[in-house]
Amino acid sequence: MLESSDYLKDDCLKINCTVGVVVSATNCSQLNSIQVPESDIGAHFGMLLDNMEGSDVIFNVAGEKFHAHKLVLSARSPFFRSKFFDDGVEEDEQEIVISDLEPVVFKAMLHFIYRDTLTEDVDMATSSSSPVCSVSETLTTKLLAAADRYGMDRLRLMCESHLCKDISVNSVSSILALADGHHATELKAVCLKFAAENLAAVMRSDGFTYLKENCPSLQSELLKTVAGCEEVAAVKVESHGVYGPNFQMVVTPMAEESDKEPSIWTSS
């Protein structure tokens, strides 16, 4: 019968079949995905700041008034938390005078507290003429000082990141002094490394003169970085370039100044 079958032709057997594959388990995440937008909590809190809804405290900064919320400020800053809850600020004291910040700096700080971002006004330090003056007068550096004073580590790091991009031979000395004065350890380390790698040029800059006259302890740290030694008690450097062949400089570590909380808080 096979010889006469339609399935056998020229000694070839034709077989028609259907093959099915059974999958034991299906990973749904590989077949479908749902996109989750980025967090908009900063935008929502920013609206709360803009429309002043539910505000329970007013800050007077050089005559300019800023409305805010004690709970938001306390959640973001240990300084405000201490003042509002630990120090027993009276409930009816709704206006507080801030005497250590300019209005533009306080506004930028509030922007960060509510939105967790920097304002568009945050400018980069400029290392052109008069590096010491230009760096110290930028909004970024003033905001860095405010972040350190009010205990906002993330804001301080964001300012450090901005200033780090502007380090140059002319500006590194003044930025180093700024970083040392405001506990900006990451920025300070970058400045020391840059200055050590470009020591000859840095020593010829006006900024180094400022560093030598105002921050002698930083010279010791800089020389330790150059030497690659962490435990140097005294460093003696003979210079035959900038200061002449007979110049000798002996630098010894100075005692660190104790941190004191500034008296900046008054109520009216």
Protein backbone atom coordinates (compact mmCIF):
# COMPACT_ATOMS: atom_id res chain seq x y z
CA MET A 1 0.00 0.00 0.00
CA LEU A 2 2.87 2.40 0.71
CA GLU A 3 4.16 1.93 -2.81
CA SER A 4 0.90 3.23 -4.20
CA SER A 5 0.45 5.94 -1.53
CA ASP A 6 0.57 9.65 -2.35
CA TYR A 7 2.99 10.12 0.55
CA LEU A 8 5.67 7.97 -1.13
CA LYS A 9 7.19 9.33 -4.29
CA ASP A 10 10.63 8.64 -5.74
CA ASP A 11 11.55 6.65 -2.64
CA CYS A 12 10.81 9.68 -0.44
CA LEU A 13 8.27 9.68 2.35
CA LYS A 14 6.48 12.97 2.95
CA ILE A 15 5.18 13.63 6.47
CA ASN A 16 3.13 16.71 7.38
CA CYS A 17 3.17 17.65 11.07
CA THR A 18 2.58 20.64 13.35
CA VAL A 19 5.12 21.40 16.09
CA GLY A 20 4.05 23.30 19.19
CA VAL A 21 6.34 24.68 21.92
CA VAL A 22 5.01 24.87 25.46
CA VAL A 23 6.55 27.64 27.58
CA SER A 24 6.63 26.73 31.24
CA ALA A 25 6.84 30.33 32.50
CA THR A 26 6.56 33.79 30.96
CA ASN A 27 8.53 36.74 32.24
CA CYS A 28 6.00 39.55 31.97
CA SER A 29 8.60 42.25 32.60
CA GLN A 30 10.35 41.30 29.35
CA LEU A 31 7.18 41.55 27.34
CA ASN A 32 5.73 44.74 28.81
CA SER A 33 7.02 47.77 30.67
CA ILE A 34 5.43 50.81 32.24
CA GLN A 35 7.43 54.01 32.32
CA VAL A 36 7.42 55.85 35.64
CA PRO A 37 8.14 59.57 35.38
CA GLU A 38 10.85 61.15 37.50
CA SER A 39 9.87 62.41 40.92
CA ASP A 40 8.03 65.73 40.86
CA ILE A 41 8.03 66.25 44.61
CA GLY A 42 10.41 69.18 44.19
CA ALA A 43 8.00 70.87 41.79
CA HIS A 44 5.12 70.38 44.23
CA PHE A 45 7.06 71.78 47.17
CA GLY A 46 8.23 74.61 44.94
CA MET A 47 4.60 75.53 44.27
CA LEU A 48 4.06 75.54 48.02
CA LEU A 49 6.86 78.07 48.35
CA ASP A 50 5.64 80.21 45.45
CA ASN A 51 2.02 80.53 46.51
CA MET A 52 2.88 80.75 50.24
CA GLU A 53 -0.07 78.51 51.10
CA GLY A 54 0.01 77.41 54.72
CA SER A 55 3.17 79.39 55.52
CA ASP A 56 3.71 79.90 59.24
CA VAL A 57 6.94 81.90 59.41
CA ILE A 58 8.25 85.06 57.76
CA PHE A 59 11.93 85.88 57.32
CA ASN A 60 13.08 89.47 57.12
CA VAL A 61 16.32 89.67 55.17
CA ALA A 62 17.58 93.22 54.74
CA GLY A 63 13.99 94.43 54.59
CA GLU A 64 12.83 91.81 52.07
CA LYS A 65 10.20 89.35 53.35
CA PHE A 66 10.19 85.61 52.63
CA HIS A 67 7.29 83.33 53.63
CA ALA A 68 8.11 79.72 54.50
CA HIS A 69 6.99 76.64 56.44
CA LYS A 70 8.67 75.63 59.67
CA LEU A 71 8.22 71.89 59.12
CA VAL A 72 9.79 72.01 55.64
CA LEU A 73 12.74 74.05 56.87
CA SER A 74 13.22 71.80 59.89
CA ALA A 75 13.20 68.67 57.74
CA ARG A 76 15.92 70.08 55.49
CA SER A 77 18.19 71.94 57.89
CA PRO A 78 19.36 70.91 61.38
CA PHE A 79 19.94 74.60 62.11
CA PHE A 80 16.29 75.46 61.54
CA ARG A 81 15.15 72.30 63.34
CA SER A 82 17.14 73.33 66.39
CA LYS A 83 15.82 76.87 66.34
CA PHE A 84 12.18 75.96 65.82
CA PHE A 85 11.93 72.98 68.15
CA ASP A 86 14.92 72.68 70.46
CA ASP A 87 15.36 76.34 71.33
CA GLY A 88 11.66 76.92 72.04
CA VAL A 89 10.80 79.67 69.57
CA GLU A 90 7.47 81.14 70.61
CA GLU A 91 4.50 80.17 68.46
CA ASP A 92 3.48 83.79 67.90
CA GLU A 93 6.95 84.84 66.74
CA GLN A 94 6.24 84.58 63.03
CA GLU A 95 8.81 87.07 61.73
CA ILE A 96 12.48 86.28 62.07
CA VAL A 97 15.30 88.62 61.10
CA ILE A 98 18.24 87.09 59.22
CA SER A 99 21.26 89.38 59.37
CA ASP A 100 24.05 87.24 57.94
CA LEU A 101 22.74 86.65 54.39
CA GLU A 102 21.86 88.81 51.43
CA PRO A 103 18.31 88.46 50.10
CA VAL A 104 19.47 86.85 46.85
CA VAL A 105 21.45 84.23 48.78
CA PHE A 106 18.59 83.47 51.18
CA LYS A 107 16.21 83.17 48.21
CA ALA A 108 18.57 80.71 46.51
CA MET A 109 18.83 78.72 49.74
CA LEU A 110 15.03 78.54 50.06
CA HIS A 111 14.85 77.41 46.43
CA PHE A 112 17.13 74.48 47.26
CA ILE A 113 15.28 73.62 50.47
CA TYR A 114 11.98 73.27 48.64
CA ARG A 115 13.06 72.08 45.18
CA ASP A 116 16.38 70.30 45.87
CA THR A 117 17.96 72.12 42.91
CA LEU A 118 20.12 75.19 42.39
CA THR A 119 18.62 78.34 40.94
CA GLU A 120 19.48 79.44 37.44
CA ASP A 121 21.13 82.49 39.02
CA VAL A 122 23.89 80.42 40.58
CA ASP A 123 26.92 81.69 38.73
CA MET A 124 30.29 80.16 38.17
CA ALA A 125 33.38 81.59 39.84
CA THR A 126 35.47 83.61 37.40
CA SER A 127 39.23 83.27 37.43
CA SER A 128 40.00 86.32 35.33
CA SER A 129 41.32 89.49 36.93
CA SER A 130 41.52 89.81 40.70
CA PRO A 131 40.79 86.13 41.41
CA VAL A 132 40.44 86.50 45.19
CA CYS A 133 37.76 89.17 44.89
CA SER A 134 35.87 87.58 42.02
CA VAL A 135 35.62 84.16 43.65
CA SER A 136 34.50 85.46 47.03
CA GLU A 137 31.78 87.64 45.50
CA THR A 138 29.97 85.01 43.42
CA LEU A 139 26.56 83.69 44.41
CA THR A 140 27.96 80.15 44.37
CA THR A 141 30.53 80.89 47.07
CA LYS A 142 28.03 82.81 49.21
CA LEU A 143 25.60 79.91 48.90
CA LEU A 144 28.38 77.50 49.87
CA ALA A 145 28.98 79.52 53.03
CA ALA A 146 25.25 79.54 53.80
CA ALA A 147 25.00 75.79 53.27
CA ASP A 148 27.82 75.23 55.75
CA ARG A 149 26.32 77.63 58.28
CA TYR A 150 22.83 76.12 58.10
CA GLY A 151 23.98 72.49 57.99
CA MET A 152 22.87 71.52 54.47
CA ASP A 153 25.49 69.07 53.26
CA ARG A 154 23.89 68.32 49.89
CA LEU A 155 23.69 72.00 48.99
CA ARG A 156 27.30 72.45 50.00
CA LEU A 157 28.37 69.55 47.78
CA MET A 158 26.41 70.97 44.84
CA CYS A 159 28.21 74.29 45.28
CA GLU A 160 31.53 72.47 45.58
CA SER A 161 30.82 70.72 42.29
CA HIS A 162 30.19 74.07 40.57
CA LEU A 163 33.35 75.66 41.96
CA CYS A 164 35.43 72.60 41.13
CA LYS A 165 34.82 73.19 37.43
CA ASP A 166 36.34 76.67 37.66
CA ILE A 167 39.62 75.79 39.36
CA SER A 168 42.57 77.35 37.54
CA VAL A 169 46.08 78.53 38.35
CA ASN A 170 44.74 81.99 39.20
CA SER A 171 41.73 80.90 41.25
CA VAL A 172 42.88 77.73 43.03
CA SER A 173 44.41 79.52 46.02
CA SER A 174 41.31 81.55 46.84
CA ILE A 175 39.00 78.58 46.24
CA LEU A 176 41.23 76.49 48.51
CA ALA A 177 40.94 79.09 51.26
CA LEU A 178 37.17 79.20 50.78
CA ALA A 179 36.87 75.41 50.92
CA ASP A 180 38.98 75.22 54.07
CA GLY A 181 36.90 77.87 55.80
CA HIS A 182 33.56 76.17 55.09
CA HIS A 183 34.31 72.45 55.61
CA ALA A 184 34.18 71.75 51.86
CA THR A 185 36.47 68.73 52.11
CA GLU A 186 35.89 67.39 48.59
CA LEU A 187 36.63 70.75 46.99
CA LYS A 188 39.63 71.26 49.25
CA ALA A 189 41.14 67.93 48.21
CA VAL A 190 40.74 68.79 44.52
CA CYS A 191 42.36 72.20 45.07
CA LEU A 192 45.32 70.72 46.93
CA LYS A 193 45.88 68.15 44.20
CA PHE A 194 45.65 70.74 41.43
CA ALA A 195 47.96 73.18 43.24
CA ALA A 196 50.49 70.44 43.95
CA GLU A 197 50.54 69.40 40.29
CA ASN A 198 50.97 73.02 39.13
CA LEU A 199 52.97 74.38 42.05
CA ALA A 200 55.42 76.58 40.12
CA ALA A 201 52.66 78.43 38.27
CA VAL A 202 50.44 78.68 41.35
CA MET A 203 53.26 80.21 43.42
CA ARG A 204 53.59 83.00 40.85
CA SER A 205 49.88 83.89 41.04
CA ASP A 206 48.34 86.70 43.08
CA GLY A 207 46.12 84.15 44.76
CA PHE A 208 49.12 82.43 46.31
CA THR A 209 50.19 85.72 47.88
CA TYR A 210 46.74 85.93 49.47
CA LEU A 211 47.06 82.33 50.67
CA LYS A 212 50.51 82.99 52.12
CA GLU A 213 49.36 86.07 54.02
CA ASN A 214 45.97 84.83 55.27
CA CYS A 215 46.09 81.02 55.45
CA PRO A 216 49.58 79.89 56.52
CA SER A 217 48.29 76.52 57.72
CA LEU A 218 47.16 75.68 54.18
CA GLN A 219 50.71 76.09 52.95
CA SER A 220 51.70 73.26 55.24
CA GLU A 221 48.94 71.04 53.83
CA LEU A 222 49.93 71.98 50.30
CA LEU A 223 53.55 71.06 50.91
CA LYS A 224 52.48 67.77 52.45
CA THR A 225 50.48 67.05 49.33
CA VAL A 226 53.48 67.86 47.17
CA ALA A 227 55.70 65.59 49.22
CA GLY A 228 53.10 62.86 49.34
CA CYS A 229 53.53 62.59 53.11
CA GLU A 230 50.74 62.84 55.66
CA GLU A 231 52.84 63.02 58.80
CA VAL A 232 55.32 65.81 58.17
CA ALA A 233 55.85 67.97 61.26
CA ALA A 234 57.92 70.63 59.51
CA VAL A 235 58.77 71.26 55.88
CA LYS A 236 61.77 73.27 54.74
CA VAL A 237 61.72 74.51 51.17
CA GLU A 238 64.60 76.30 49.43
CA SER A 239 63.41 78.32 46.44
CA HIS A 240 65.71 79.47 43.63
CA GLY A 241 62.94 80.87 41.49
CA VAL A 242 60.22 83.19 42.68
CA TYR A 243 61.69 84.29 46.02
CA GLY A 244 65.40 84.26 45.24
CA PRO A 245 68.22 81.81 46.04
CA ASN A 246 68.51 82.75 49.73
CA PHE A 247 64.82 82.36 50.58
CA GLN A 248 63.87 79.69 53.07
CA MET A 249 60.38 78.87 54.29
CA VAL A 250 59.60 76.74 57.32
CA VAL A 251 55.96 75.77 57.76
CA THR A 252 54.58 74.06 60.85
CA PRO A 253 51.00 72.84 61.26
CA MET A 254 48.70 75.21 63.11
CA ALA A 255 46.03 74.26 65.58
CA GLU A 256 42.58 74.10 64.06
CA GLU A 257 40.17 76.80 65.09
CA SER A 258 37.18 75.66 67.10
CA ASP A 259 33.81 75.86 65.37
CA LYS A 260 31.51 78.49 66.84
CA GLU A 261 27.90 78.97 65.84
CA PRO A 262 27.44 82.55 64.60
CA SER A 263 25.04 84.85 66.36
CA ILE A 264 22.74 85.59 63.44
CA TRP A 265 19.26 84.81 64.71
CA THR A 266 16.94 87.49 66.05
CA SER A 267 13.18 87.66 66.32
CA SER A 268 10.94 90.65 65.98
